[in-house]
């Protein structure tokens, strides 16, 4: 399993509720309409905690693929001109603060 985590921040003009609504009701369906899809596509929304310390991102997105080749094929398609993904991300994400990385999971 090839797993990618992305730390995403909302566009500064959006509330947390508007951000989550756009992500779930516009962006997720757009991603899932592509011919290639992740095997798993999870969004982990940061919730306010008792400590008062807030991270500098609003959601941890988890994408899982069979292998690195499957991920690269998906990424080429998702970010190809005309896919709509990049344009939509500009509507609800602060793309300059996006960080993503691959992880190895142990249990």
Protein backbone atom coordinates (compact mmCIF):
# COMPACT_ATOMS: atom_id res chain seq x y z
CA UNK A 1 0.00 0.00 0.00
CA UNK A 2 1.30 3.44 -0.97
CA UNK A 3 -0.07 6.05 1.44
CA UNK A 4 0.10 9.84 1.03
CA UNK A 5 -0.87 12.29 3.75
CA UNK A 6 -1.55 15.93 3.00
CA UNK A 7 -1.88 18.70 5.57
CA UNK A 8 -4.33 21.17 4.06
CA UNK A 9 -5.40 24.62 5.17
CA UNK A 10 -8.63 26.33 4.25
CA UNK A 11 -8.73 29.40 2.05
CA UNK A 12 -8.62 32.41 4.41
CA UNK A 13 -11.94 33.73 3.10
CA UNK A 14 -13.82 30.60 4.25
CA UNK A 15 -15.13 29.52 7.62
CA UNK A 16 -14.34 26.01 8.82
CA UNK A 17 -17.90 24.99 7.97
CA UNK A 18 -17.74 26.45 4.45
CA UNK A 19 -14.38 24.76 3.91
CA UNK A 20 -15.65 21.32 4.97
CA UNK A 21 -18.84 21.75 2.96
CA UNK A 22 -16.94 22.60 -0.21
CA UNK A 23 -14.45 19.80 0.31
CA UNK A 24 -17.07 17.12 0.94
CA UNK A 25 -19.77 18.24 -1.48
CA UNK A 26 -17.78 19.62 -4.41
CA UNK A 27 -14.15 18.51 -4.30
CA UNK A 28 -14.58 14.89 -3.20
CA UNK A 29 -17.17 14.17 -5.93
CA UNK A 30 -14.84 15.82 -8.47
CA UNK A 31 -11.91 13.62 -7.41
CA UNK A 32 -14.10 10.52 -7.41
CA UNK A 33 -15.37 11.32 -10.92
CA UNK A 34 -11.89 10.83 -12.39
CA UNK A 35 -11.25 7.56 -14.25
CA UNK A 36 -8.45 6.66 -11.81
CA UNK A 37 -9.20 6.87 -8.10
CA UNK A 38 -7.39 6.25 -4.84
CA UNK A 39 -8.26 2.97 -3.14
CA UNK A 40 -9.04 4.97 0.00
CA UNK A 41 -9.62 8.72 0.29
CA UNK A 42 -10.09 9.87 3.86
CA UNK A 43 -10.36 13.35 5.35
CA UNK A 44 -9.51 13.88 9.02
CA UNK A 45 -10.78 17.32 10.09
CA UNK A 46 -8.94 18.95 12.97
CA UNK A 47 -11.23 19.59 15.92
CA UNK A 48 -10.66 22.21 18.62
CA UNK A 49 -8.94 20.67 21.61
CA UNK A 50 -8.78 21.44 25.30
CA UNK A 51 -5.14 22.49 25.10
CA UNK A 52 -5.94 25.64 23.13
CA UNK A 53 -3.08 24.92 20.73
CA UNK A 54 -4.27 24.85 17.15
CA UNK A 55 -2.22 23.37 14.31
CA UNK A 56 -1.53 25.41 11.19
CA UNK A 57 -3.75 23.17 9.03
CA UNK A 58 -7.43 22.25 8.97
CA UNK A 59 -7.54 18.72 7.61
CA UNK A 60 -5.28 15.73 7.16
CA UNK A 61 -6.14 14.05 3.87
CA UNK A 62 -5.15 10.43 3.44
CA UNK A 63 -4.87 8.91 -0.02
CA UNK A 64 -4.03 5.25 -0.51
CA UNK A 65 -2.96 3.52 -3.70
CA UNK A 66 -1.86 0.03 -4.64
CA UNK A 67 1.69 1.24 -5.24
CA UNK A 68 3.75 4.28 -6.19
CA UNK A 69 3.09 3.79 -9.90
CA UNK A 70 -0.67 3.91 -9.29
CA UNK A 71 -0.25 7.11 -7.29
CA UNK A 72 1.87 8.75 -9.99
CA UNK A 73 -0.64 7.79 -12.70
CA UNK A 74 -3.47 9.27 -10.62
CA UNK A 75 -1.52 12.46 -9.87
CA UNK A 76 -0.68 13.01 -13.55
CA UNK A 77 -4.34 12.65 -14.45
CA UNK A 78 -5.67 14.67 -11.49
CA UNK A 79 -3.40 17.63 -12.19
CA UNK A 80 -3.56 17.50 -15.98
CA UNK A 81 -4.97 20.61 -17.67
CA UNK A 82 -8.73 20.42 -17.82
CA UNK A 83 -9.24 17.97 -14.95
CA UNK A 84 -10.70 20.74 -12.79
CA UNK A 85 -8.84 19.62 -9.66
CA UNK A 86 -6.31 22.43 -9.48
CA UNK A 87 -8.92 25.08 -10.30
CA UNK A 88 -11.25 23.78 -7.60
CA UNK A 89 -8.45 23.65 -5.01
CA UNK A 90 -7.87 27.37 -5.57
CA UNK A 91 -11.48 27.97 -4.46
CA UNK A 92 -11.23 26.37 -1.03
CA UNK A 93 -7.58 25.70 -0.14
CA UNK A 94 -4.65 27.87 0.83
CA UNK A 95 -2.48 25.97 -1.67
CA UNK A 96 0.71 27.79 -0.65
CA UNK A 97 0.60 26.10 2.77
CA UNK A 98 -0.15 22.57 1.50
CA UNK A 99 2.32 19.93 2.66
CA UNK A 100 2.21 16.30 1.59
CA UNK A 101 4.37 13.27 2.19
CA UNK A 102 4.35 9.52 1.96
CA UNK A 103 4.25 7.45 5.13
CA UNK A 104 4.91 3.90 6.20
CA UNK A 105 2.35 2.56 8.66
CA UNK A 106 3.19 0.08 11.41
CA UNK A 107 0.77 -1.64 13.74
